[in-house]
Amino acid sequence: MTRKAITVKVCPGMTTATELIRKANSFNSSVKIEHGKYSVNAKSLISLLSLGIKQGMELTIITDGNDENAALDTISSMIAG
């Protein structure tokens, strides 16, 4: 399991959220995003939108699986710019 704290620089609107979900689904690893006490599946649109992600928010990306490092690097760069 790998984790990385990031600051949101690219606010995931509906289009960006869909791209993020597609990319997350391209990995075998689980991909979760945490904010405060909430942790959601980054492969689910409803879950991702429920966080209400805004520019400047502090998030933690958590990946777990055989390609977790690639997933962590890709997803965090999509959000943190």
Protein backbone atom coordinates (compact mmCIF):
# COMPACT_ATOMS: atom_id res chain seq x y z
CA MET A 1 0.00 0.00 0.00
CA THR A 2 1.31 3.44 -0.92
CA ARG A 3 0.05 6.89 0.11
CA LYS A 4 0.76 10.42 -0.97
CA ALA A 5 -0.57 13.71 0.41
CA ILE A 6 -1.28 16.28 -2.29
CA THR A 7 -2.81 19.72 -2.73
CA VAL A 8 -5.44 19.98 -5.46
CA LYS A 9 -4.29 22.23 -8.29
CA VAL A 10 -6.57 20.88 -11.01
CA CYS A 11 -10.15 20.94 -9.79
CA PRO A 12 -11.92 17.83 -11.09
CA GLY A 13 -15.09 19.05 -12.76
CA MET A 14 -17.29 16.48 -14.46
CA THR A 15 -15.01 16.05 -17.50
CA THR A 16 -11.82 15.85 -15.48
CA ALA A 17 -13.48 13.50 -12.95
CA THR A 18 -14.45 11.17 -15.80
CA GLU A 19 -10.88 11.20 -17.12
CA LEU A 20 -9.56 10.53 -13.62
CA ILE A 21 -11.93 7.57 -13.19
CA ARG A 22 -10.97 6.13 -16.58
CA LYS A 23 -7.31 6.37 -15.66
CA ALA A 24 -7.90 4.86 -12.18
CA ASN A 25 -9.80 1.98 -13.78
CA SER A 26 -6.86 1.28 -16.09
CA PHE A 27 -4.89 0.04 -13.07
CA ASN A 28 -5.37 -3.29 -11.30
CA SER A 29 -4.66 -1.65 -7.95
CA SER A 30 -7.36 -0.17 -5.78
CA VAL A 31 -7.26 3.63 -5.77
CA LYS A 32 -8.79 5.62 -2.92
CA ILE A 33 -8.87 9.32 -2.18
CA GLU A 34 -9.11 10.59 1.39
CA HIS A 35 -10.15 13.98 2.66
CA GLY A 36 -10.56 14.40 6.40
CA LYS A 37 -12.47 11.42 7.76
CA TYR A 38 -13.82 10.43 4.33
CA SER A 39 -12.24 7.84 2.05
CA VAL A 40 -13.75 7.12 -1.37
CA ASN A 41 -13.13 4.80 -4.30
CA ALA A 42 -11.51 6.83 -7.09
CA LYS A 43 -12.98 4.41 -9.64
CA SER A 44 -16.54 5.56 -8.88
CA LEU A 45 -17.98 8.86 -10.18
CA ILE A 46 -20.56 9.19 -7.39
CA SER A 47 -17.93 8.51 -4.72
CA LEU A 48 -15.45 10.93 -6.25
CA LEU A 49 -17.99 13.73 -6.65
CA SER A 50 -19.23 13.20 -3.07
CA LEU A 51 -15.94 14.64 -1.77
CA GLY A 52 -16.70 18.01 -3.36
CA ILE A 53 -13.07 18.43 -4.37
CA LYS A 54 -12.01 22.04 -4.80
CA GLN A 55 -8.77 23.71 -5.75
CA GLY A 56 -6.47 24.06 -2.75
CA MET A 57 -7.90 21.10 -0.80
CA GLU A 58 -5.50 18.68 0.87
CA LEU A 59 -6.12 15.08 -0.21
CA THR A 60 -4.37 11.76 0.32
CA ILE A 61 -4.17 9.28 -2.55
CA ILE A 62 -3.92 5.63 -1.46
CA THR A 63 -3.16 2.80 -3.87
CA ASP A 64 -2.85 -0.91 -3.18
CA GLY A 65 -1.96 -3.67 -5.62
CA ASN A 66 0.60 -4.89 -8.10
CA ASP A 67 0.81 -1.58 -10.00
CA GLU A 68 0.29 0.72 -7.01
CA ASN A 69 3.32 2.94 -7.65
CA ALA A 70 2.32 3.69 -11.23
CA ALA A 71 -1.28 4.31 -10.14
CA LEU A 72 -0.16 6.65 -7.34
CA ASP A 73 2.12 8.66 -9.62
CA THR A 74 -0.46 8.96 -12.39
CA ILE A 75 -3.49 9.86 -10.25
CA SER A 76 -1.61 12.30 -8.02
CA SER A 77 -0.13 14.11 -11.05
CA MET A 78 -3.61 14.44 -12.60
CA ILE A 79 -4.91 16.20 -9.49
CA ALA A 80 -1.85 18.03 -8.22
CA GLY A 81 -0.75 19.16 -11.69
